[in-house]
Amino acid sequence: MENTKLLDTVEALSALVEQGNLNEPQLLEQAVPLIAALVAKDDWLPADMAIPHPQYYQQQLLYGDPQDRFSLVSFVWGPGQTTPIHDHTVWGVIGMLRGAEVNEPFRLTGQGIEPDGAQHILQPGEVACVSPSIGDIHRVSNAYDDQVSISIHLYGGNIGRIQRSVYDADTGAQKAFVSGYSNAMVPNLWASQV
């Protein structure tokens, strides 16, 4: 029997955004169980989407909605790898598939950028949310110095094409960036399911 978890999730997410009348809290509420179900068992991610880079975390596009209403991405963390402090500008749901990652929330103040609560470790099967309305600035890192970790990220837009910001940890100065994707040639993930 073929594993259709990714395809089933994409179809459910497409149906969700096609409703067109849901606000952000409703989208998050309904997307969380879909991502939780996707990361509940680590048996579906293609091996070539789980390969770490020796220096940088990999942001691999799993699916990009043709109308840019959402994107589904795997983040592959090599041992000890971390992001800069950054934002997203859109809602997102993060599910931990393999290993663990550390989430450090931040907020902008009149004096720059500062921690916004305690850091949290996301374990396999757990889900967390980000958005401009509930907290959108964080730094993420692999919780392990000796193994790969993989998380699955759903965003309310094509995250690889959205202009966002990274923040200087000392001054809070913002610098615009567009992340793109590590997989320049996106494979046909449905080929084995046709």
N, C-alpha and C. Protein backbone atom coordinates (compact mmCIF):
# COMPACT_ATOMS: atom_id res chain seq x y z
N MET A 1 0.84 -1.19 0.00
CA MET A 1 0.00 0.00 0.00
C MET A 1 0.89 1.25 0.00
N GLU A 2 0.57 2.21 -0.86
CA GLU A 2 1.35 3.43 -0.96
C GLU A 2 1.02 4.38 0.18
N ASN A 3 2.04 5.13 0.58
CA ASN A 3 1.85 6.12 1.63
C ASN A 3 1.37 7.42 0.98
N THR A 4 0.15 7.82 1.29
CA THR A 4 -0.42 9.03 0.68
C THR A 4 -0.58 10.16 1.68
N LYS A 5 0.15 10.10 2.79
CA LYS A 5 0.00 11.13 3.84
C LYS A 5 0.20 12.55 3.32
N LEU A 6 1.27 12.75 2.56
CA LEU A 6 1.56 14.10 2.07
C LEU A 6 0.46 14.56 1.10
N LEU A 7 0.09 13.71 0.17
CA LEU A 7 -0.96 14.06 -0.79
C LEU A 7 -2.29 14.33 -0.08
N ASP A 8 -2.63 13.49 0.87
CA ASP A 8 -3.88 13.68 1.63
C ASP A 8 -3.86 15.02 2.38
N THR A 9 -2.71 15.36 2.95
CA THR A 9 -2.58 16.63 3.68
C THR A 9 -2.72 17.81 2.75
N VAL A 10 -2.07 17.75 1.59
CA VAL A 10 -2.17 18.83 0.61
C VAL A 10 -3.61 19.00 0.15
N GLU A 11 -4.30 17.90 -0.09
CA GLU A 11 -5.71 18.00 -0.51
C GLU A 11 -6.57 18.64 0.58
N ALA A 12 -6.34 18.25 1.83
CA ALA A 12 -7.11 18.82 2.94
C ALA A 12 -6.79 20.31 3.11
N LEU A 13 -5.52 20.69 2.98
CA LEU A 13 -5.14 22.10 3.10
C LEU A 13 -5.73 22.92 1.95
N SER A 14 -5.74 22.35 0.76
CA SER A 14 -6.34 23.03 -0.39
C SER A 14 -7.82 23.28 -0.15
N ALA A 15 -8.52 22.28 0.35
CA ALA A 15 -9.94 22.43 0.66
C ALA A 15 -10.15 23.50 1.73
N LEU A 16 -9.23 23.55 2.71
CA LEU A 16 -9.33 24.53 3.79
C LEU A 16 -9.21 25.95 3.25
N VAL A 17 -8.18 26.22 2.45
CA VAL A 17 -7.99 27.59 1.96
C VAL A 17 -9.01 27.96 0.89
N GLU A 18 -9.56 26.97 0.20
CA GLU A 18 -10.57 27.26 -0.82
C GLU A 18 -11.88 27.78 -0.22
N GLN A 19 -12.07 27.57 1.08
CA GLN A 19 -13.27 28.11 1.72
C GLN A 19 -13.29 29.64 1.60
N GLY A 20 -12.11 30.24 1.68
CA GLY A 20 -11.96 31.66 1.44
C GLY A 20 -12.55 32.60 2.47
N ASN A 21 -13.30 32.09 3.42
CA ASN A 21 -13.97 32.97 4.38
C ASN A 21 -13.45 32.79 5.80
N LEU A 22 -12.34 32.08 5.96
CA LEU A 22 -11.81 31.83 7.30
C LEU A 22 -10.80 32.91 7.68
N ASN A 23 -10.90 33.37 8.93
CA ASN A 23 -9.90 34.32 9.41
C ASN A 23 -8.69 33.54 9.94
N GLU A 24 -7.65 34.26 10.31
CA GLU A 24 -6.42 33.61 10.75
C GLU A 24 -6.60 32.63 11.91
N PRO A 25 -7.30 33.02 13.00
CA PRO A 25 -7.50 32.04 14.08
C PRO A 25 -8.21 30.77 13.61
N GLN A 26 -9.17 30.91 12.70
CA GLN A 26 -9.88 29.73 12.20
C GLN A 26 -8.97 28.87 11.33
N LEU A 27 -8.15 29.51 10.50
CA LEU A 27 -7.21 28.76 9.67
C LEU A 27 -6.23 27.98 10.54
N LEU A 28 -5.68 28.65 11.55
CA LEU A 28 -4.74 27.97 12.45
C LEU A 28 -5.42 26.81 13.17
N GLU A 29 -6.61 27.06 13.68
CA GLU A 29 -7.33 26.02 14.42
C GLU A 29 -7.56 24.78 13.56
N GLN A 30 -7.90 24.98 12.30
CA GLN A 30 -8.19 23.84 11.43
C GLN A 30 -6.94 23.24 10.80
N ALA A 31 -5.87 24.02 10.66
CA ALA A 31 -4.64 23.50 10.08
C ALA A 31 -3.81 22.70 11.08
N VAL A 32 -3.88 23.07 12.36
CA VAL A 32 -3.08 22.37 13.38
C VAL A 32 -3.31 20.86 13.38
N PRO A 33 -4.55 20.37 13.40
CA PRO A 33 -4.71 18.91 13.40
C PRO A 33 -4.23 18.24 12.12
N LEU A 34 -4.26 18.95 11.00
CA LEU A 34 -3.76 18.38 9.75
C LEU A 34 -2.25 18.18 9.81
N ILE A 35 -1.54 19.18 10.34
CA ILE A 35 -0.08 19.06 10.46
C ILE A 35 0.28 18.07 11.57
N ALA A 36 -0.49 18.06 12.64
CA ALA A 36 -0.25 17.09 13.72
C ALA A 36 -0.38 15.66 13.19
N ALA A 37 -1.38 15.41 12.35
CA ALA A 37 -1.56 14.08 11.77
C ALA A 37 -0.40 13.73 10.83
N LEU A 38 0.09 14.73 10.09
CA LEU A 38 1.19 14.49 9.16
C LEU A 38 2.48 14.11 9.88
N VAL A 39 2.75 14.73 11.03
CA VAL A 39 4.00 14.45 11.75
C VAL A 39 3.84 13.39 12.85
N ALA A 40 2.65 12.81 12.95
CA ALA A 40 2.41 11.81 14.01
C ALA A 40 3.28 10.58 13.84
N LYS A 41 3.62 10.25 12.59
CA LYS A 41 4.47 9.08 12.34
C LYS A 41 5.46 9.44 11.24
N ASP A 42 6.72 9.15 11.48
CA ASP A 42 7.80 9.51 10.57
C ASP A 42 8.01 8.37 9.56
N ASP A 43 7.11 8.29 8.57
CA ASP A 43 7.20 7.20 7.61
C ASP A 43 6.86 7.63 6.18
N TRP A 44 6.92 8.93 5.89
CA TRP A 44 6.46 9.38 4.58
C TRP A 44 7.39 10.34 3.86
N LEU A 45 8.30 11.00 4.54
CA LEU A 45 9.14 12.00 3.90
C LEU A 45 10.17 11.32 2.98
N PRO A 46 10.21 11.70 1.69
CA PRO A 46 11.20 11.09 0.79
C PRO A 46 12.62 11.33 1.31
N ALA A 47 13.46 10.33 1.14
CA ALA A 47 14.83 10.39 1.67
C ALA A 47 15.60 11.59 1.13
N ASP A 48 15.38 11.96 -0.14
CA ASP A 48 16.13 13.08 -0.69
C ASP A 48 15.68 14.43 -0.14
N MET A 49 14.58 14.45 0.60
CA MET A 49 14.11 15.68 1.25
C MET A 49 14.56 15.73 2.71
N ALA A 50 15.40 14.80 3.12
CA ALA A 50 15.85 14.71 4.51
C ALA A 50 17.36 14.76 4.64
N ILE A 51 18.03 15.22 3.59
CA ILE A 51 19.49 15.25 3.59
C ILE A 51 19.97 16.60 4.12
N PRO A 52 20.77 16.61 5.18
CA PRO A 52 21.27 17.88 5.71
C PRO A 52 22.44 18.42 4.89
N HIS A 53 22.64 19.71 4.96
CA HIS A 53 23.82 20.36 4.39
C HIS A 53 24.83 20.46 5.54
N PRO A 54 26.11 20.33 5.27
CA PRO A 54 27.10 20.36 6.37
C PRO A 54 27.17 21.69 7.12
N GLN A 55 26.74 22.80 6.48
CA GLN A 55 26.84 24.11 7.13
C GLN A 55 25.50 24.76 7.43
N TYR A 56 24.51 24.59 6.55
CA TYR A 56 23.27 25.37 6.63
C TYR A 56 22.05 24.46 6.71
N TYR A 57 21.05 24.91 7.46
CA TYR A 57 19.79 24.18 7.45
C TYR A 57 19.20 24.26 6.04
N GLN A 58 18.42 23.27 5.68
CA GLN A 58 17.83 23.19 4.35
C GLN A 58 16.32 23.44 4.44
N GLN A 59 15.82 24.36 3.62
CA GLN A 59 14.38 24.62 3.53
C GLN A 59 13.93 24.03 2.19
N GLN A 60 13.30 22.84 2.26
CA GLN A 60 12.91 22.11 1.06
C GLN A 60 11.42 22.28 0.80
N LEU A 61 11.06 22.75 -0.38
CA LEU A 61 9.66 22.90 -0.74
C LEU A 61 9.05 21.53 -1.00
N LEU A 62 8.03 21.18 -0.24
CA LEU A 62 7.28 19.94 -0.46
C LEU A 62 6.09 20.20 -1.37
N TYR A 63 5.41 21.35 -1.16
CA TYR A 63 4.28 21.70 -2.01
C TYR A 63 4.05 23.21 -1.93
N GLY A 64 3.88 23.81 -3.09
CA GLY A 64 3.53 25.22 -3.17
C GLY A 64 2.20 25.36 -3.88
N ASP A 65 1.23 25.91 -3.22
CA ASP A 65 -0.09 26.12 -3.81
C ASP A 65 0.06 27.01 -5.04
N PRO A 66 -0.57 26.65 -6.17
CA PRO A 66 -0.43 27.44 -7.40
C PRO A 66 -0.87 28.90 -7.25
N GLN A 67 -1.74 29.17 -6.30
CA GLN A 67 -2.19 30.55 -6.08
C GLN A 67 -1.48 31.21 -4.90
N ASP A 68 -0.42 30.57 -4.40
CA ASP A 68 0.39 31.08 -3.28
C ASP A 68 -0.42 31.28 -2.01
N ARG A 69 -1.47 30.50 -1.81
CA ARG A 69 -2.27 30.61 -0.59
C ARG A 69 -1.61 29.89 0.57
N PHE A 70 -0.77 28.89 0.27
CA PHE A 70 -0.01 28.21 1.31
C PHE A 70 1.18 27.48 0.70
N SER A 71 2.13 27.15 1.54
CA SER A 71 3.26 26.31 1.13
C SER A 71 3.58 25.35 2.27
N LEU A 72 4.08 24.19 1.89
CA LEU A 72 4.45 23.16 2.84
C LEU A 72 5.92 22.86 2.62
N VAL A 73 6.70 22.95 3.69
CA VAL A 73 8.15 22.93 3.60
C VAL A 73 8.73 21.98 4.65
N SER A 74 9.79 21.25 4.29
CA SER A 74 10.53 20.51 5.31
C SER A 74 11.79 21.31 5.64
N PHE A 75 12.06 21.44 6.93
CA PHE A 75 13.30 22.05 7.40
C PHE A 75 14.20 20.93 7.89
N VAL A 76 15.35 20.81 7.27
CA VAL A 76 16.30 19.77 7.63
C VAL A 76 17.46 20.44 8.35
N TRP A 77 17.61 20.07 9.62
CA TRP A 77 18.61 20.68 10.49
C TRP A 77 19.78 19.72 10.68
N GLY A 78 20.97 20.12 10.23
CA GLY A 78 22.16 19.37 10.56
C GLY A 78 22.48 19.58 12.03
N PRO A 79 23.38 18.78 12.59
CA PRO A 79 23.74 18.93 14.00
C PRO A 79 24.14 20.36 14.35
N GLY A 80 23.49 20.93 15.37
CA GLY A 80 23.84 22.26 15.89
C GLY A 80 23.47 23.44 15.02
N GLN A 81 22.79 23.25 13.91
CA GLN A 81 22.47 24.36 13.02
C GLN A 81 21.35 25.23 13.59
N THR A 82 21.40 26.52 13.24
CA THR A 82 20.44 27.49 13.78
C THR A 82 20.10 28.56 12.75
N THR A 83 18.95 29.18 12.91
CA THR A 83 18.57 30.32 12.06
C THR A 83 19.00 31.61 12.75
N PRO A 84 19.05 32.70 12.00
CA PRO A 84 19.12 34.00 12.67
C PRO A 84 17.74 34.30 13.26
N ILE A 85 17.64 35.35 14.05
CA ILE A 85 16.33 35.81 14.51
C ILE A 85 15.60 36.34 13.28
N HIS A 86 14.36 35.90 13.08
CA HIS A 86 13.63 36.25 11.86
C HIS A 86 12.13 36.28 12.10
N ASP A 87 11.40 36.83 11.14
CA ASP A 87 9.94 36.81 11.18
C ASP A 87 9.41 36.07 9.95
N HIS A 88 8.08 36.00 9.83
CA HIS A 88 7.45 35.27 8.73
C HIS A 88 6.46 36.14 7.95
N THR A 89 5.78 37.03 8.61
CA THR A 89 4.77 37.96 8.08
C THR A 89 3.45 37.29 7.70
N VAL A 90 3.38 35.97 7.80
CA VAL A 90 2.15 35.22 7.53
C VAL A 90 1.98 34.18 8.64
N TRP A 91 0.78 33.61 8.74
CA TRP A 91 0.54 32.56 9.73
C TRP A 91 1.30 31.29 9.34
N GLY A 92 1.62 30.51 10.36
CA GLY A 92 2.32 29.26 10.09
C GLY A 92 2.07 28.23 11.18
N VAL A 93 2.20 26.96 10.79
CA VAL A 93 2.08 25.83 11.71
C VAL A 93 3.33 24.98 11.52
N ILE A 94 4.01 24.69 12.62
CA ILE A 94 5.24 23.91 12.59
C ILE A 94 5.00 22.60 13.30
N GLY A 95 5.31 21.51 12.63
CA GLY A 95 5.18 20.19 13.24
C GLY A 95 6.53 19.50 13.26
N MET A 96 6.88 18.89 14.38
CA MET A 96 8.18 18.22 14.51
C MET A 96 8.06 16.78 14.05
N LEU A 97 8.86 16.42 13.07
CA LEU A 97 8.82 15.06 12.51
C LEU A 97 9.89 14.16 13.10
N ARG A 98 11.11 14.67 13.21
CA ARG A 98 12.26 13.83 13.61
C ARG A 98 13.23 14.69 14.41
N GLY A 99 13.78 14.15 15.50
CA GLY A 99 14.69 14.91 16.33
C GLY A 99 13.94 15.91 17.18
N ALA A 100 14.48 17.11 17.34
CA ALA A 100 13.82 18.16 18.12
C ALA A 100 14.43 19.50 17.73
N GLU A 101 13.65 20.57 17.90
CA GLU A 101 14.19 21.90 17.65
C GLU A 101 13.84 22.83 18.79
N VAL A 102 14.70 23.82 18.97
CA VAL A 102 14.52 24.81 20.02
C VAL A 102 13.96 26.09 19.40
N ASN A 103 12.87 26.58 19.95
CA ASN A 103 12.23 27.81 19.50
C ASN A 103 12.46 28.88 20.56
N GLU A 104 13.10 29.98 20.18
CA GLU A 104 13.33 31.11 21.08
C GLU A 104 12.53 32.31 20.59
N PRO A 105 11.43 32.66 21.25
CA PRO A 105 10.62 33.80 20.80
C PRO A 105 11.26 35.14 21.18
N PHE A 106 11.07 36.12 20.29
CA PHE A 106 11.56 37.48 20.50
C PHE A 106 10.45 38.48 20.17
N ARG A 107 10.66 39.74 20.64
CA ARG A 107 9.75 40.81 20.27
C ARG A 107 10.55 42.09 20.13
N LEU A 108 10.02 42.98 19.30
CA LEU A 108 10.64 44.29 19.11
C LEU A 108 10.15 45.23 20.20
N THR A 109 11.07 46.03 20.71
CA THR A 109 10.72 47.06 21.70
C THR A 109 11.36 48.37 21.25
N GLY A 110 11.12 49.42 22.00
CA GLY A 110 11.75 50.70 21.71
C GLY A 110 13.27 50.66 21.84
N GLN A 111 13.77 49.68 22.58
CA GLN A 111 15.21 49.55 22.78
C GLN A 111 15.85 48.52 21.85
N GLY A 112 15.08 47.89 21.01
CA GLY A 112 15.65 46.89 20.10
C GLY A 112 14.84 45.61 20.13
N ILE A 113 15.53 44.49 20.20
CA ILE A 113 14.86 43.20 20.22
C ILE A 113 15.21 42.48 21.51
N GLU A 114 14.23 41.80 22.08
CA GLU A 114 14.49 41.10 23.35
C GLU A 114 13.70 39.81 23.39
N PRO A 115 14.16 38.86 24.21
CA PRO A 115 13.42 37.60 24.36
C PRO A 115 11.98 37.87 24.80
N ASP A 116 11.08 37.03 24.30
CA ASP A 116 9.66 37.18 24.62
C ASP A 116 9.15 35.86 25.21
N GLY A 117 9.60 35.59 26.41
CA GLY A 117 9.22 34.35 27.07
C GLY A 117 10.32 33.31 26.97
N ALA A 118 10.04 32.17 27.56
CA ALA A 118 11.03 31.10 27.63
C ALA A 118 11.13 30.37 26.30
N GLN A 119 12.30 29.83 26.04
CA GLN A 119 12.45 29.00 24.85
C GLN A 119 11.68 27.69 25.06
N HIS A 120 11.31 27.08 23.96
CA HIS A 120 10.51 25.86 23.99
C HIS A 120 11.16 24.83 23.08
N ILE A 121 11.20 23.59 23.52
CA ILE A 121 11.71 22.51 22.69
C ILE A 121 10.54 21.76 22.09
N LEU A 122 10.50 21.70 20.77
CA LEU A 122 9.46 21.00 20.04
C LEU A 122 9.93 19.57 19.79
N GLN A 123 9.17 18.61 20.28
CA GLN A 123 9.50 17.18 20.19
C GLN A 123 8.71 16.53 19.06
N PRO A 124 9.11 15.36 18.58
CA PRO A 124 8.38 14.68 17.50
C PRO A 124 6.89 14.56 17.81
N GLY A 125 6.08 14.90 16.81
CA GLY A 125 4.63 14.85 16.95
C GLY A 125 4.01 16.12 17.50
N GLU A 126 4.82 17.03 18.06
CA GLU A 126 4.29 18.27 18.61
C GLU A 126 4.17 19.33 17.52
N VAL A 127 3.26 20.28 17.76
CA VAL A 127 2.95 21.33 16.80
C VAL A 127 2.98 22.69 17.51
N ALA A 128 3.46 23.71 16.80
CA ALA A 128 3.46 25.09 17.31
C ALA A 128 3.02 26.01 16.19
N CYS A 129 2.58 27.22 16.54
CA CYS A 129 2.09 28.19 15.56
C CYS A 129 2.86 29.50 15.66
N VAL A 130 2.92 30.21 14.53
CA VAL A 130 3.47 31.56 14.47
C VAL A 130 2.53 32.41 13.63
N SER A 131 2.54 33.69 13.87
CA SER A 131 1.84 34.65 13.01
C SER A 131 2.09 36.04 13.58
N PRO A 132 1.89 37.07 12.76
CA PRO A 132 2.06 38.43 13.27
C PRO A 132 1.14 38.75 14.45
N SER A 133 0.00 38.08 14.57
CA SER A 133 -0.93 38.40 15.65
C SER A 133 -0.66 37.62 16.94
N ILE A 134 0.03 36.48 16.85
CA ILE A 134 0.27 35.68 18.08
C ILE A 134 1.74 35.58 18.45
N GLY A 135 2.62 36.11 17.63
CA GLY A 135 4.06 36.04 17.88
C GLY A 135 4.74 35.52 16.63
N ASP A 136 5.55 36.37 16.01
CA ASP A 136 6.07 36.05 14.69
C ASP A 136 7.59 36.10 14.59
N ILE A 137 8.26 36.52 15.66
CA ILE A 137 9.72 36.66 15.60
C ILE A 137 10.34 35.59 16.49
N HIS A 138 11.25 34.81 15.90
CA HIS A 138 11.93 33.80 16.71
C HIS A 138 13.26 33.40 16.08
N ARG A 139 14.01 32.62 16.86
CA ARG A 139 15.22 31.96 16.37
C ARG A 139 15.00 30.48 16.63
N VAL A 140 15.36 29.66 15.66
CA VAL A 140 15.13 28.22 15.76
C VAL A 140 16.45 27.51 15.56
N SER A 141 16.64 26.43 16.30
CA SER A 141 17.87 25.65 16.14
C SER A 141 17.61 24.17 16.39
N ASN A 142 18.48 23.36 15.83
CA ASN A 142 18.45 21.93 16.10
C ASN A 142 18.78 21.75 17.58
N ALA A 143 17.98 20.98 18.28
CA ALA A 143 18.21 20.76 19.70
C ALA A 143 19.40 19.82 19.94
N TYR A 144 19.90 19.20 18.88
CA TYR A 144 20.97 18.21 19.03
C TYR A 144 22.23 18.64 18.29
N ASP A 145 23.37 18.37 18.91
CA ASP A 145 24.66 18.63 18.30
C ASP A 145 25.21 17.41 17.58
N ASP A 146 24.48 16.29 17.64
CA ASP A 146 25.01 15.05 17.09
C ASP A 146 24.03 14.29 16.19
N GLN A 147 22.92 14.93 15.80
CA GLN A 147 21.98 14.24 14.92
C GLN A 147 21.16 15.24 14.12
N VAL A 148 20.55 14.74 13.06
CA VAL A 148 19.69 15.54 12.20
C VAL A 148 18.31 15.66 12.84
N SER A 149 17.69 16.82 12.68
CA SER A 149 16.30 17.02 13.08
C SER A 149 15.54 17.54 11.87
N ILE A 150 14.26 17.18 11.78
CA ILE A 150 13.44 17.60 10.64
C ILE A 150 12.08 18.07 11.15
N SER A 151 11.70 19.26 10.73
CA SER A 151 10.36 19.78 11.05
C SER A 151 9.64 20.10 9.75
N ILE A 152 8.32 20.05 9.81
CA ILE A 152 7.47 20.34 8.66
C ILE A 152 6.74 21.64 8.94
N HIS A 153 6.84 22.59 8.02
CA HIS A 153 6.27 23.93 8.21
C HIS A 153 5.21 24.20 7.16
N LEU A 154 4.06 24.63 7.62
CA LEU A 154 2.98 25.10 6.76
C LEU A 154 2.91 26.61 6.92
N TYR A 155 2.88 27.34 5.80
CA TYR A 155 2.77 28.79 5.86
C TYR A 155 1.59 29.27 5.03
N GLY A 156 0.99 30.38 5.45
CA GLY A 156 -0.14 30.97 4.76
C GLY A 156 0.30 31.84 3.60
N GLY A 157 1.13 31.31 2.74
CA GLY A 157 1.66 31.99 1.57
C GLY A 157 2.85 31.19 1.08
N ASN A 158 3.44 31.62 -0.03
CA ASN A 158 4.64 30.95 -0.54
C ASN A 158 5.85 31.53 0.19
N ILE A 159 6.24 30.88 1.26
CA ILE A 159 7.27 31.43 2.16
C ILE A 159 8.60 31.66 1.45
N GLY A 160 8.87 30.92 0.40
CA GLY A 160 10.11 31.10 -0.35
C GLY A 160 10.15 32.34 -1.19
N ARG A 161 8.99 33.00 -1.38
CA ARG A 161 8.90 34.22 -2.20
C ARG A 161 8.50 35.45 -1.40
N ILE A 162 8.23 35.29 -0.12
CA ILE A 162 7.76 36.40 0.70
C ILE A 162 8.93 37.19 1.27
N GLN A 163 8.89 38.52 1.13
CA GLN A 163 9.93 39.34 1.75
C GLN A 163 9.68 39.40 3.24
N ARG A 164 10.70 39.03 4.01
CA ARG A 164 10.62 39.01 5.46
C ARG A 164 11.84 39.73 6.02
N SER A 165 12.06 39.60 7.34
CA SER A 165 13.20 40.29 7.95
C SER A 165 13.97 39.37 8.88
N VAL A 166 15.28 39.59 8.91
CA VAL A 166 16.12 39.05 9.97
C VAL A 166 16.48 40.22 10.86
N TYR A 167 16.78 39.92 12.13
CA TYR A 167 17.03 40.96 13.13
C TYR A 167 18.38 40.75 13.78
N ASP A 168 19.12 41.84 13.94
CA ASP A 168 20.39 41.79 14.65
C ASP A 168 20.10 41.54 16.13
N ALA A 169 20.74 40.54 16.71
CA ALA A 169 20.47 40.15 18.10
C ALA A 169 20.83 41.25 19.09
N ASP A 170 21.79 42.11 18.75
CA ASP A 170 22.22 43.16 19.68
C ASP A 170 21.43 44.46 19.53
N THR A 171 21.17 44.87 18.29
CA THR A 171 20.54 46.17 18.06
C THR A 171 19.07 46.08 17.66
N GLY A 172 18.65 44.92 17.18
CA GLY A 172 17.29 44.78 16.68
C GLY A 172 17.13 45.31 15.26
N ALA A 173 18.23 45.76 14.64
CA ALA A 173 18.16 46.28 13.27
C ALA A 173 17.63 45.20 12.33
N GLN A 174 16.73 45.62 11.45
CA GLN A 174 16.10 44.69 10.51
C GLN A 174 16.81 44.72 9.17
N LYS A 175 16.87 43.54 8.54
CA LYS A 175 17.40 43.42 7.19
C LYS A 175 16.43 42.55 6.41
N ALA A 176 15.96 43.06 5.27
CA ALA A 176 15.00 42.32 4.45
C ALA A 176 15.67 41.14 3.76
N PHE A 177 14.92 40.06 3.59
CA PHE A 177 15.42 38.91 2.83
C PHE A 177 14.24 38.13 2.26
N VAL A 178 14.52 37.33 1.25
CA VAL A 178 13.59 36.37 0.69
C VAL A 178 14.32 35.04 0.72
N SER A 179 13.74 34.06 1.40
CA SER A 179 14.49 32.83 1.69
C SER A 179 14.70 31.91 0.52
N GLY A 180 13.76 31.83 -0.43
CA GLY A 180 13.87 30.84 -1.49
C GLY A 180 13.78 29.44 -0.90
N TYR A 181 14.23 28.47 -1.67
CA TYR A 181 14.22 27.07 -1.23
C TYR A 181 15.56 26.43 -1.56
N SER A 182 15.94 25.47 -0.76
CA SER A 182 17.21 24.77 -0.98
C SER A 182 17.14 23.87 -2.20
N ASN A 183 15.97 23.33 -2.49
CA ASN A 183 15.82 22.46 -3.66
C ASN A 183 15.41 23.32 -4.86
N ALA A 184 16.42 23.69 -5.66
CA ALA A 184 16.16 24.56 -6.81
C ALA A 184 15.24 23.89 -7.83
N MET A 185 15.43 22.62 -8.03
CA MET A 185 14.56 21.85 -8.93
C MET A 185 13.67 21.00 -8.05
N VAL A 186 12.42 21.39 -7.92
CA VAL A 186 11.50 20.69 -7.04
C VAL A 186 11.07 19.38 -7.70
N PRO A 187 11.28 18.23 -7.01
CA PRO A 187 10.91 16.95 -7.60
C PRO A 187 9.40 16.74 -7.61
N ASN A 188 8.95 15.82 -8.43
CA ASN A 188 7.54 15.44 -8.46
C ASN A 188 7.30 14.42 -7.37
N LEU A 189 6.80 14.87 -6.22
CA LEU A 189 6.61 13.98 -5.09
C LEU A 189 5.43 13.04 -5.30
N TRP A 190 4.62 13.29 -6.33
CA TRP A 190 3.45 12.43 -6.56
C TRP A 190 3.77 11.30 -7.52
N ALA A 191 4.95 11.30 -8.13
CA ALA A 191 5.26 10.33 -9.18
C ALA A 191 5.07 8.89 -8.74
N SER A 192 5.42 8.57 -7.51
CA SER A 192 5.29 7.20 -7.03
C SER A 192 3.85 6.87 -6.64
N GLN A 193 2.96 7.85 -6.70
CA GLN A 193 1.58 7.62 -6.25
C GLN A 193 0.61 7.62 -7.43
N VAL A 194 1.13 7.72 -8.65
CA VAL A 194 0.26 7.78 -9.83
C VAL A 194 0.06 6.39 -10.40
